[in-house]
Structure formats: C-alpha cells, structure tokens
Amino acid sequence: TALIAFVGLWEQAMTTLYLCGLSVVAAMLIGLPIGIAVAGRRWLWAPVRLAIDTLQTLPSFVYLMPAVMLFRVGDFTAMVAVIAYALAPAIRYTVLGLQGVDQRLIEAGRAMGCTEGQILTRIRLKLALPEILLGLNQTIMFALSMLVITALVGTRDLGQEVYIGLTKADAGRGLVAGLCVAFIGIVADRLIQAGAARTRARLG
C-alpha cells in the first residue's frame, strides 16, 4: 500500500478499488442467490455449471464487445464487463460450499423443527461460509484481472496506466502499475484468507 502512494498512483488505485469493489458486490449479489437456487437441484446445477465453464473459456476481451455495443465507453461499461467475467466463481464456490455441508446436520435441524429458511440461514450458509469467502476471493482476483482489459474502453484506473505503458513501450510505467494491481490483489487475498481461516476454526 505504501508503494502505491510512493509512486504517485494513489488516485488511480482508488479508482481501481471503486470499480473492483462495486463490480464484486454486484457479482456476489447475483451469484449468491443463483448458487443457493441450484445447489440443491443437481438437474439444474448441471446446465448452469456448463454455462459458467463455457464463459470461463472465453478470452477476457470478448466480454467487452457486447458491453460496448449496449453502452457507451466508460466506467459503467467496464463494470458490466467485469461483473459478467467475475460471476462464475461467485456461483461455483457458493454451490460447492452448500453441497459440502454434512447432510446429517441438516437432518438434525429438521428433527429439531427448523424451517427450510432457518436451515438455509443458520446451518447451510454458516457452514458454507469458508467456501463462499474463497469464492469472494476468486471473484476479486477475476475482477482485478478484467479491469486491466477494460482500459480499452477508457477507464481511468491502474489498468489504463498498464495500457499506456504498453502502447508507449514504457516498460517501467507498465511494470509499476502492474505491481500496484498485484499488491491490491495480495492485500485482498490475505485479508479474506485470514477471515476464512478464523471462520473454519470457529465452526470446528
């Protein structure tokens, strides 16, 4: 974090955090309900898994084309592309976490008179929280990687600095901006990994 301030890219880093943060929140708000809906329905999870597997095989810049066709270039277009790209891990890890919950605990909850809503919120989601946090981690990593590509639509973040460094053959400028993006990802990764570890320890 100190390096970002020292090299004079703090404003661009804050723009990156703003775009990444909003995109990740939107991706999780979309992906979490979808994951919950398909986790207990294997017949529905199969086509959803096929769809997100297919989406993950597409090159990153492919997500920009429909976004640019529907919206003008700018931050909003970048966010749409980032959300579409980062949605897959949000869904996948939610499903994996919920499917990994011990069925005996769910049956014990039903035997105690819990409603399906209580089983979901107090048993399944709580026990799946470490996996969901890992999904959040991956969603952030996907969003950061996509933000470098969205510099093509005129964002004013660190991705734009990387792009300018490439177009002007300024290896130093591109390298410094790339390191700043990497350090943001490392900070987010360490914080979420620590949170997931504490959650696992609390759940036993």
Protein backbone atom coordinates (compact mmCIF):
# COMPACT_ATOMS: atom_id res chain seq x y z
CA THR A 1 0.00 0.00 0.00
CA ALA A 2 2.88 2.35 0.80
CA LEU A 3 4.41 1.63 -2.61
CA ILE A 4 1.20 2.71 -4.36
CA ALA A 5 1.30 6.05 -2.56
CA PHE A 6 5.05 6.45 -3.08
CA VAL A 7 4.90 6.03 -6.88
CA GLY A 8 2.08 8.58 -7.22
CA LEU A 9 -0.66 6.21 -8.39
CA TRP A 10 -2.93 6.56 -5.36
CA GLU A 11 -5.79 8.22 -7.30
CA GLN A 12 -5.75 5.54 -9.98
CA ALA A 13 -5.58 2.86 -7.27
CA MET A 14 -8.67 4.31 -5.56
CA THR A 15 -10.49 4.27 -8.91
CA THR A 16 -9.46 0.63 -9.30
CA LEU A 17 -10.78 -0.16 -5.81
CA TYR A 18 -14.02 1.66 -6.56
CA LEU A 19 -14.62 -0.18 -9.84
CA CYS A 20 -13.48 -3.53 -8.44
CA GLY A 21 -15.48 -3.14 -5.22
CA LEU A 22 -18.77 -2.27 -6.89
CA SER A 23 -18.32 -4.98 -9.51
CA VAL A 24 -17.53 -7.63 -6.89
CA VAL A 25 -20.52 -6.64 -4.74
CA ALA A 26 -22.80 -6.83 -7.79
CA ALA A 27 -21.32 -10.18 -8.87
CA MET A 28 -21.82 -11.64 -5.39
CA LEU A 29 -25.38 -10.27 -5.15
CA ILE A 30 -26.17 -12.01 -8.44
CA GLY A 31 -24.07 -15.15 -7.96
CA LEU A 32 -25.00 -15.96 -4.36
CA PRO A 33 -28.78 -16.33 -4.99
CA ILE A 34 -28.12 -18.32 -8.17
CA GLY A 35 -25.76 -20.62 -6.28
CA ILE A 36 -28.30 -21.10 -3.49
CA ALA A 37 -31.05 -21.84 -6.01
CA VAL A 38 -29.12 -24.51 -7.93
CA ALA A 39 -27.08 -26.09 -5.11
CA GLY A 40 -29.86 -28.44 -4.03
CA ARG A 41 -31.08 -29.18 -7.54
CA ARG A 42 -28.45 -31.22 -9.36
CA TRP A 43 -30.56 -31.33 -12.54
CA LEU A 44 -30.43 -27.50 -12.59
CA TRP A 45 -26.80 -27.24 -11.49
CA ALA A 46 -25.59 -29.29 -14.47
CA PRO A 47 -26.62 -26.76 -17.18
CA VAL A 48 -25.55 -23.81 -15.00
CA ARG A 49 -22.13 -25.41 -14.49
CA LEU A 50 -21.85 -25.98 -18.24
CA ALA A 51 -22.71 -22.31 -18.85
CA ILE A 52 -20.15 -20.92 -16.40
CA ASP A 53 -17.49 -23.37 -17.59
CA THR A 54 -18.10 -22.11 -21.12
CA LEU A 55 -17.93 -18.48 -20.01
CA GLN A 56 -14.59 -19.10 -18.32
CA THR A 57 -13.07 -20.44 -21.53
CA LEU A 58 -13.79 -17.20 -23.42
CA PRO A 59 -10.99 -14.63 -23.76
CA SER A 60 -11.38 -11.66 -21.42
CA PHE A 61 -11.80 -9.05 -24.14
CA VAL A 62 -14.83 -10.92 -25.55
CA TYR A 63 -16.86 -9.62 -22.59
CA LEU A 64 -16.17 -6.04 -23.66
CA MET A 65 -17.79 -6.28 -27.10
CA PRO A 66 -21.45 -6.69 -26.06
CA ALA A 67 -20.96 -4.18 -23.24
CA VAL A 68 -19.61 -1.57 -25.66
CA MET A 69 -22.43 -2.31 -28.13
CA LEU A 70 -25.08 -1.76 -25.44
CA PHE A 71 -23.47 1.15 -23.56
CA ARG A 72 -21.08 3.96 -24.31
CA VAL A 73 -17.45 3.59 -23.36
CA GLY A 74 -16.66 4.49 -19.77
CA ASP A 75 -16.66 3.19 -16.23
CA PHE A 76 -20.17 1.71 -16.38
CA THR A 77 -19.32 -0.33 -19.47
CA ALA A 78 -16.20 -1.58 -17.72
CA MET A 79 -18.24 -2.59 -14.66
CA VAL A 80 -20.72 -4.55 -16.80
CA ALA A 81 -17.87 -6.49 -18.41
CA VAL A 82 -16.17 -7.11 -15.06
CA ILE A 83 -19.40 -8.36 -13.45
CA ALA A 84 -20.03 -10.77 -16.33
CA TYR A 85 -16.45 -12.08 -16.13
CA ALA A 86 -16.34 -12.40 -12.32
CA LEU A 87 -19.76 -14.04 -11.93
CA ALA A 88 -18.54 -17.62 -12.47
CA PRO A 89 -16.51 -18.07 -9.23
CA ALA A 90 -19.25 -16.40 -7.19
CA ILE A 91 -21.72 -19.07 -8.34
CA ARG A 92 -19.31 -22.00 -8.34
CA TYR A 93 -17.94 -21.60 -4.81
CA THR A 94 -21.39 -20.95 -3.36
CA VAL A 95 -22.64 -24.22 -4.84
CA LEU A 96 -19.55 -26.16 -3.74
CA GLY A 97 -19.85 -24.81 -0.21
CA LEU A 98 -23.54 -25.63 0.13
CA GLN A 99 -23.15 -29.08 -1.40
CA GLY A 100 -20.33 -29.84 1.03
CA VAL A 101 -22.49 -29.36 4.13
CA ASP A 102 -22.94 -32.60 6.07
CA GLN A 103 -26.46 -33.89 5.41
CA ARG A 104 -26.64 -35.26 8.96
CA LEU A 105 -26.54 -31.72 10.32
CA ILE A 106 -29.39 -30.71 8.02
CA GLU A 107 -31.44 -33.71 9.13
CA ALA A 108 -30.69 -32.84 12.76
CA GLY A 109 -32.00 -29.33 12.12
CA ARG A 110 -35.20 -30.67 10.60
CA ALA A 111 -35.63 -33.02 13.57
CA MET A 112 -35.36 -30.02 15.89
CA GLY A 113 -38.20 -28.33 14.00
CA CYS A 114 -36.24 -25.84 11.89
CA THR A 115 -37.97 -24.43 8.83
CA GLU A 116 -36.26 -24.60 5.44
CA GLY A 117 -35.39 -20.91 5.75
CA GLN A 118 -33.77 -21.48 9.14
CA ILE A 119 -31.86 -24.49 7.81
CA LEU A 120 -30.55 -22.36 4.95
CA THR A 121 -29.52 -19.33 7.02
CA ARG A 122 -28.47 -20.97 10.29
CA ILE A 123 -26.94 -24.22 9.09
CA ARG A 124 -26.14 -24.40 5.39
CA LEU A 125 -24.90 -20.86 4.77
CA LYS A 126 -22.99 -20.73 8.06
CA LEU A 127 -21.16 -23.98 7.35
CA ALA A 128 -20.58 -23.00 3.71
CA LEU A 129 -19.20 -19.56 4.67
CA PRO A 130 -15.48 -20.51 4.34
CA GLU A 131 -16.06 -21.71 0.77
CA ILE A 132 -18.15 -18.64 -0.02
CA LEU A 133 -15.30 -16.44 1.24
CA LEU A 134 -12.92 -18.27 -1.07
CA GLY A 135 -15.41 -17.58 -3.86
CA LEU A 136 -15.31 -13.90 -2.90
CA ASN A 137 -11.52 -14.05 -3.07
CA GLN A 138 -11.58 -15.53 -6.56
CA THR A 139 -14.23 -13.03 -7.66
CA ILE A 140 -11.91 -10.18 -6.61
CA MET A 141 -8.99 -11.74 -8.50
CA PHE A 142 -11.11 -12.15 -11.63
CA ALA A 143 -12.34 -8.56 -11.35
CA LEU A 144 -8.81 -7.16 -11.00
CA SER A 145 -7.56 -9.11 -14.00
CA MET A 146 -10.50 -7.94 -16.09
CA LEU A 147 -10.02 -4.30 -15.07
CA VAL A 148 -6.67 -4.31 -16.88
CA ILE A 149 -8.50 -5.33 -20.07
CA THR A 150 -11.25 -2.72 -19.59
CA ALA A 151 -8.65 0.02 -20.05
CA LEU A 152 -9.58 -0.39 -23.74
CA VAL A 153 -12.92 1.34 -23.03
CA GLY A 154 -11.40 4.38 -21.37
CA THR A 155 -11.27 3.72 -17.64
CA ARG A 156 -9.00 5.95 -15.54
CA ASP A 157 -7.63 3.33 -13.19
CA LEU A 158 -4.41 1.34 -12.90
CA GLY A 159 -5.41 -0.69 -15.93
CA GLN A 160 -5.18 2.47 -18.01
CA GLU A 161 -1.64 3.01 -16.73
CA VAL A 162 -0.72 -0.53 -17.80
CA TYR A 163 -2.29 0.09 -21.22
CA ILE A 164 -0.44 3.40 -21.69
CA GLY A 165 2.81 1.72 -20.69
CA LEU A 166 2.24 -0.95 -23.36
CA THR A 167 1.23 1.46 -26.14
CA LYS A 168 4.17 3.79 -25.47
CA ALA A 169 6.65 0.96 -24.93
CA ASP A 170 7.27 2.34 -21.45
CA ALA A 171 8.13 -0.86 -19.61
CA GLY A 172 8.77 0.91 -16.29
CA ARG A 173 5.37 2.62 -16.20
CA GLY A 174 3.55 -0.58 -17.11
CA LEU A 175 5.51 -2.65 -14.61
CA VAL A 176 4.88 -0.25 -11.72
CA ALA A 177 1.14 -0.08 -12.47
CA GLY A 178 1.00 -3.87 -12.79
CA LEU A 179 2.72 -4.28 -9.43
CA CYS A 180 0.19 -1.93 -7.85
CA VAL A 181 -2.66 -4.08 -9.19
CA ALA A 182 -0.89 -7.20 -7.91
CA PHE A 183 -0.39 -5.69 -4.45
CA ILE A 184 -4.07 -4.78 -4.20
CA GLY A 185 -4.88 -8.39 -5.03
CA ILE A 186 -2.37 -9.69 -2.46
CA VAL A 187 -3.81 -7.49 0.31
CA ALA A 188 -7.36 -8.63 -0.50
CA ASP A 189 -6.24 -12.27 -0.66
CA ARG A 190 -4.51 -12.15 2.74
CA LEU A 191 -7.47 -10.47 4.44
CA ILE A 192 -10.02 -12.93 3.05
CA GLN A 193 -7.82 -15.97 3.67
CA ALA A 194 -7.45 -14.89 7.30
CA GLY A 195 -11.19 -14.42 7.60
CA ALA A 196 -11.86 -17.84 6.10
CA ALA A 197 -9.35 -19.47 8.48
CA ARG A 198 -10.99 -17.84 11.51
CA THR A 199 -14.41 -18.95 10.29
CA ARG A 200 -13.21 -22.55 9.88
CA ALA A 201 -11.70 -22.51 13.38
CA ARG A 202 -14.92 -21.12 14.87
CA LEU A 203 -17.03 -23.77 13.11
CA GLY A 204 -14.66 -26.52 14.15
